[in-house]
Amino acid sequence: MVIQIFITLFALIALFGVVRGFKRGALSRTGVVAWIFIWVAAIVAVWNPWITNRIASMLGVGRGADAVLYVSVVMLFYMIFRLYGKCENLEHQLSELVKKIALKDLEK
């Protein structure tokens, strides 16, 4: 099927991006392992749809594609939650830094 080839090519390009990001220092080892697992799992699932059907039946979902969609949405919400927390933390750190710089400038 065309969709299998398209998703495989996309996943391979993403894998190269993950490796390149790791080499540049943009990704940690944990991040690299997680992303490699996700993209390899996508390739395996595309070429062996019975795997997703089996997982769907274990989860009590009718079709494998539905299970993939549900799991993907949950993962996306989790990632958004983590990013939101990191943004809040960075905002707090930035505020503290600005306060320290302002107080230092005030002393001069």
N, C-alpha and C. Protein backbone atom coordinates (compact mmCIF):
# COMPACT_ATOMS: atom_id res chain seq x y z
N MET A 1 0.83 -1.19 0.00
CA MET A 1 0.00 0.00 0.00
C MET A 1 0.87 1.25 0.00
N VAL A 2 0.35 2.29 -0.57
CA VAL A 2 1.07 3.55 -0.66
C VAL A 2 1.30 4.14 0.74
N ILE A 3 0.32 4.02 1.61
CA ILE A 3 0.44 4.60 2.96
C ILE A 3 1.57 3.93 3.74
N GLN A 4 1.79 2.64 3.53
CA GLN A 4 2.88 1.95 4.21
C GLN A 4 4.23 2.52 3.78
N ILE A 5 4.39 2.74 2.50
CA ILE A 5 5.64 3.30 1.99
C ILE A 5 5.83 4.73 2.49
N PHE A 6 4.76 5.53 2.45
CA PHE A 6 4.83 6.91 2.91
C PHE A 6 5.21 6.99 4.39
N ILE A 7 4.55 6.21 5.24
CA ILE A 7 4.85 6.24 6.67
C ILE A 7 6.26 5.72 6.95
N THR A 8 6.67 4.69 6.21
CA THR A 8 8.03 4.16 6.39
C THR A 8 9.08 5.21 6.03
N LEU A 9 8.89 5.88 4.90
CA LEU A 9 9.84 6.94 4.51
C LEU A 9 9.87 8.07 5.53
N PHE A 10 8.68 8.46 5.99
CA PHE A 10 8.60 9.52 7.00
C PHE A 10 9.33 9.11 8.28
N ALA A 11 9.10 7.87 8.72
CA ALA A 11 9.74 7.38 9.94
C ALA A 11 11.26 7.29 9.78
N LEU A 12 11.72 6.88 8.61
CA LEU A 12 13.17 6.81 8.38
C LEU A 12 13.79 8.20 8.39
N ILE A 13 13.11 9.16 7.79
CA ILE A 13 13.60 10.54 7.82
C ILE A 13 13.63 11.04 9.27
N ALA A 14 12.59 10.72 10.03
CA ALA A 14 12.55 11.12 11.44
C ALA A 14 13.68 10.46 12.23
N LEU A 15 13.96 9.20 11.93
CA LEU A 15 15.06 8.51 12.61
C LEU A 15 16.40 9.20 12.34
N PHE A 16 16.63 9.58 11.10
CA PHE A 16 17.85 10.31 10.77
C PHE A 16 17.90 11.63 11.51
N GLY A 17 16.76 12.29 11.65
CA GLY A 17 16.69 13.54 12.40
C GLY A 17 17.00 13.33 13.88
N VAL A 18 16.54 12.22 14.43
CA VAL A 18 16.83 11.90 15.83
C VAL A 18 18.32 11.70 16.03
N VAL A 19 18.93 10.93 15.15
CA VAL A 19 20.37 10.68 15.27
C VAL A 19 21.15 11.99 15.09
N ARG A 20 20.75 12.80 14.14
CA ARG A 20 21.42 14.08 13.91
C ARG A 20 21.26 15.00 15.14
N GLY A 21 20.07 15.00 15.73
CA GLY A 21 19.84 15.80 16.93
C GLY A 21 20.69 15.34 18.09
N PHE A 22 20.88 14.03 18.21
CA PHE A 22 21.73 13.50 19.28
C PHE A 22 23.18 13.91 19.06
N LYS A 23 23.65 13.83 17.83
CA LYS A 23 25.03 14.21 17.53
C LYS A 23 25.29 15.68 17.80
N ARG A 24 24.27 16.53 17.59
CA ARG A 24 24.41 17.96 17.86
C ARG A 24 24.27 18.27 19.34
N GLY A 25 23.84 17.30 20.12
CA GLY A 25 23.66 17.52 21.55
C GLY A 25 22.29 18.02 21.92
N ALA A 26 21.35 18.00 20.98
CA ALA A 26 20.00 18.50 21.24
C ALA A 26 19.13 17.47 21.95
N LEU A 27 19.52 16.21 21.91
CA LEU A 27 18.73 15.14 22.54
C LEU A 27 19.60 14.35 23.51
N SER A 28 19.00 13.96 24.61
CA SER A 28 19.70 13.12 25.58
C SER A 28 19.64 11.66 25.10
N ARG A 29 20.39 10.81 25.76
CA ARG A 29 20.36 9.38 25.40
C ARG A 29 18.97 8.80 25.62
N THR A 30 18.33 9.20 26.72
CA THR A 30 16.98 8.71 26.99
C THR A 30 16.03 9.15 25.90
N GLY A 31 16.14 10.40 25.48
CA GLY A 31 15.29 10.91 24.41
C GLY A 31 15.51 10.17 23.10
N VAL A 32 16.77 9.90 22.80
CA VAL A 32 17.09 9.18 21.56
C VAL A 32 16.49 7.78 21.59
N VAL A 33 16.66 7.10 22.70
CA VAL A 33 16.12 5.74 22.81
C VAL A 33 14.60 5.76 22.67
N ALA A 34 13.95 6.72 23.33
CA ALA A 34 12.49 6.80 23.25
C ALA A 34 12.02 7.07 21.83
N TRP A 35 12.66 8.04 21.16
CA TRP A 35 12.25 8.37 19.80
C TRP A 35 12.55 7.24 18.81
N ILE A 36 13.68 6.59 18.99
CA ILE A 36 13.99 5.46 18.11
C ILE A 36 12.96 4.36 18.30
N PHE A 37 12.60 4.09 19.55
CA PHE A 37 11.57 3.08 19.83
C PHE A 37 10.25 3.45 19.15
N ILE A 38 9.84 4.71 19.26
CA ILE A 38 8.57 5.14 18.67
C ILE A 38 8.58 4.98 17.16
N TRP A 39 9.65 5.42 16.50
CA TRP A 39 9.68 5.38 15.03
C TRP A 39 9.85 3.95 14.52
N VAL A 40 10.64 3.14 15.20
CA VAL A 40 10.75 1.73 14.79
C VAL A 40 9.42 1.01 15.01
N ALA A 41 8.75 1.31 16.12
CA ALA A 41 7.43 0.71 16.39
C ALA A 41 6.44 1.12 15.31
N ALA A 42 6.52 2.35 14.84
CA ALA A 42 5.63 2.81 13.77
C ALA A 42 5.87 2.01 12.49
N ILE A 43 7.13 1.81 12.16
CA ILE A 43 7.46 1.04 10.94
C ILE A 43 6.98 -0.40 11.08
N VAL A 44 7.23 -1.01 12.23
CA VAL A 44 6.79 -2.39 12.45
C VAL A 44 5.28 -2.49 12.39
N ALA A 45 4.58 -1.54 13.02
CA ALA A 45 3.11 -1.57 13.04
C ALA A 45 2.52 -1.37 11.65
N VAL A 46 3.16 -0.54 10.84
CA VAL A 46 2.65 -0.30 9.49
C VAL A 46 2.75 -1.56 8.63
N TRP A 47 3.84 -2.28 8.78
CA TRP A 47 4.04 -3.47 7.96
C TRP A 47 3.44 -4.74 8.56
N ASN A 48 3.09 -4.69 9.86
CA ASN A 48 2.46 -5.84 10.53
C ASN A 48 1.24 -5.36 11.30
N PRO A 49 0.16 -5.03 10.60
CA PRO A 49 -1.01 -4.46 11.28
C PRO A 49 -1.67 -5.42 12.28
N TRP A 50 -1.41 -6.69 12.17
CA TRP A 50 -1.99 -7.63 13.12
C TRP A 50 -1.50 -7.34 14.54
N ILE A 51 -0.30 -6.72 14.67
CA ILE A 51 0.22 -6.39 15.99
C ILE A 51 -0.68 -5.36 16.66
N THR A 52 -1.05 -4.32 15.92
CA THR A 52 -1.93 -3.30 16.50
C THR A 52 -3.31 -3.87 16.79
N ASN A 53 -3.77 -4.78 15.97
CA ASN A 53 -5.07 -5.42 16.23
C ASN A 53 -5.02 -6.23 17.52
N ARG A 54 -3.93 -6.89 17.74
CA ARG A 54 -3.77 -7.68 18.97
C ARG A 54 -3.72 -6.78 20.20
N ILE A 55 -2.97 -5.70 20.09
CA ILE A 55 -2.91 -4.74 21.20
C ILE A 55 -4.29 -4.13 21.45
N ALA A 56 -5.01 -3.84 20.36
CA ALA A 56 -6.36 -3.28 20.50
C ALA A 56 -7.28 -4.24 21.24
N SER A 57 -7.20 -5.52 20.91
CA SER A 57 -8.06 -6.48 21.60
C SER A 57 -7.70 -6.58 23.09
N MET A 58 -6.41 -6.45 23.43
CA MET A 58 -6.01 -6.46 24.83
C MET A 58 -6.53 -5.23 25.57
N LEU A 59 -6.61 -4.10 24.85
CA LEU A 59 -7.09 -2.86 25.45
C LEU A 59 -8.61 -2.74 25.41
N GLY A 60 -9.26 -3.67 24.72
CA GLY A 60 -10.72 -3.62 24.62
C GLY A 60 -11.22 -2.66 23.56
N VAL A 61 -10.38 -2.40 22.55
CA VAL A 61 -10.73 -1.50 21.45
C VAL A 61 -10.98 -2.37 20.22
N GLY A 62 -11.88 -1.92 19.37
CA GLY A 62 -12.27 -2.71 18.21
C GLY A 62 -11.19 -2.92 17.17
N ARG A 63 -10.53 -1.85 16.76
CA ARG A 63 -9.55 -1.94 15.68
C ARG A 63 -8.18 -1.46 16.12
N GLY A 64 -7.16 -1.96 15.46
CA GLY A 64 -5.80 -1.56 15.77
C GLY A 64 -5.54 -0.09 15.50
N ALA A 65 -6.13 0.42 14.42
CA ALA A 65 -5.94 1.84 14.09
C ALA A 65 -6.53 2.73 15.19
N ASP A 66 -7.67 2.31 15.75
CA ASP A 66 -8.27 3.07 16.85
C ASP A 66 -7.36 3.07 18.07
N ALA A 67 -6.77 1.93 18.37
CA ALA A 67 -5.86 1.83 19.53
C ALA A 67 -4.66 2.74 19.33
N VAL A 68 -4.11 2.74 18.12
CA VAL A 68 -2.96 3.61 17.83
C VAL A 68 -3.36 5.07 18.01
N LEU A 69 -4.53 5.43 17.54
CA LEU A 69 -5.01 6.81 17.67
C LEU A 69 -5.17 7.18 19.14
N TYR A 70 -5.80 6.33 19.93
CA TYR A 70 -6.02 6.62 21.35
C TYR A 70 -4.70 6.75 22.10
N VAL A 71 -3.78 5.82 21.85
CA VAL A 71 -2.49 5.87 22.53
C VAL A 71 -1.72 7.12 22.10
N SER A 72 -1.80 7.47 20.82
CA SER A 72 -1.11 8.66 20.33
C SER A 72 -1.65 9.93 20.98
N VAL A 73 -2.96 10.02 21.12
CA VAL A 73 -3.56 11.20 21.74
C VAL A 73 -3.12 11.30 23.20
N VAL A 74 -3.12 10.19 23.91
CA VAL A 74 -2.68 10.20 25.31
C VAL A 74 -1.21 10.62 25.39
N MET A 75 -0.38 10.09 24.50
CA MET A 75 1.04 10.46 24.51
C MET A 75 1.22 11.95 24.20
N LEU A 76 0.45 12.47 23.25
CA LEU A 76 0.55 13.89 22.91
C LEU A 76 0.15 14.76 24.10
N PHE A 77 -0.94 14.40 24.78
CA PHE A 77 -1.34 15.17 25.96
C PHE A 77 -0.27 15.12 27.04
N TYR A 78 0.35 13.97 27.22
CA TYR A 78 1.42 13.86 28.21
C TYR A 78 2.59 14.75 27.83
N MET A 79 2.95 14.73 26.56
CA MET A 79 4.07 15.56 26.11
C MET A 79 3.74 17.05 26.25
N ILE A 80 2.51 17.44 25.96
CA ILE A 80 2.10 18.83 26.13
C ILE A 80 2.17 19.21 27.61
N PHE A 81 1.73 18.31 28.48
CA PHE A 81 1.80 18.55 29.92
C PHE A 81 3.23 18.78 30.37
N ARG A 82 4.14 17.93 29.90
CA ARG A 82 5.55 18.08 30.26
C ARG A 82 6.13 19.38 29.72
N LEU A 83 5.82 19.71 28.48
CA LEU A 83 6.31 20.96 27.89
C LEU A 83 5.77 22.17 28.64
N TYR A 84 4.51 22.11 29.03
CA TYR A 84 3.91 23.21 29.79
C TYR A 84 4.66 23.39 31.11
N GLY A 85 4.94 22.29 31.78
CA GLY A 85 5.68 22.35 33.04
C GLY A 85 7.07 22.94 32.86
N LYS A 86 7.73 22.53 31.79
CA LYS A 86 9.07 23.06 31.53
C LYS A 86 9.02 24.55 31.20
N CYS A 87 8.01 24.97 30.46
CA CYS A 87 7.86 26.40 30.14
C CYS A 87 7.60 27.20 31.41
N GLU A 88 6.76 26.68 32.27
CA GLU A 88 6.49 27.36 33.55
C GLU A 88 7.78 27.48 34.37
N ASN A 89 8.55 26.42 34.41
CA ASN A 89 9.81 26.43 35.15
C ASN A 89 10.78 27.44 34.56
N LEU A 90 10.91 27.47 33.25
CA LEU A 90 11.80 28.43 32.60
C LEU A 90 11.35 29.86 32.84
N GLU A 91 10.04 30.07 32.81
CA GLU A 91 9.51 31.40 33.08
C GLU A 91 9.85 31.85 34.50
N HIS A 92 9.73 30.94 35.45
CA HIS A 92 10.07 31.25 36.84
C HIS A 92 11.57 31.55 36.97
N GLN A 93 12.40 30.72 36.34
CA GLN A 93 13.85 30.95 36.39
C GLN A 93 14.23 32.29 35.77
N LEU A 94 13.59 32.62 34.66
CA LEU A 94 13.86 33.89 33.99
C LEU A 94 13.47 35.07 34.88
N SER A 95 12.33 34.97 35.53
CA SER A 95 11.89 36.03 36.44
C SER A 95 12.88 36.22 37.58
N GLU A 96 13.35 35.11 38.14
CA GLU A 96 14.33 35.19 39.22
C GLU A 96 15.63 35.83 38.74
N LEU A 97 16.07 35.48 37.55
CA LEU A 97 17.29 36.04 36.99
C LEU A 97 17.14 37.54 36.75
N VAL A 98 16.01 37.94 36.21
CA VAL A 98 15.77 39.37 35.97
C VAL A 98 15.77 40.13 37.29
N LYS A 99 15.16 39.56 38.32
CA LYS A 99 15.16 40.21 39.63
C LYS A 99 16.58 40.38 40.16
N LYS A 100 17.39 39.32 40.06
CA LYS A 100 18.77 39.39 40.55
C LYS A 100 19.57 40.45 39.79
N ILE A 101 19.40 40.50 38.48
CA ILE A 101 20.13 41.48 37.67
C ILE A 101 19.67 42.89 38.03
N ALA A 102 18.37 43.06 38.22
CA ALA A 102 17.84 44.38 38.58
C ALA A 102 18.37 44.82 39.93
N LEU A 103 18.42 43.92 40.88
CA LEU A 103 18.94 44.28 42.21
C LEU A 103 20.44 44.59 42.16
N LYS A 104 21.17 43.85 41.33
CA LYS A 104 22.60 44.11 41.17
C LYS A 104 22.82 45.49 40.54
N ASP A 105 22.01 45.82 39.54
CA ASP A 105 22.12 47.13 38.89
C ASP A 105 21.73 48.25 39.86
N LEU A 106 20.79 47.97 40.74
CA LEU A 106 20.35 48.97 41.70
C LEU A 106 21.45 49.29 42.71
N GLU A 107 22.24 48.26 43.07
CA GLU A 107 23.34 48.45 44.01
C GLU A 107 24.45 49.33 43.42
N LYS A 108 24.61 49.28 42.12
CA LYS A 108 25.67 50.06 41.46
C LYS A 108 25.26 51.47 41.37
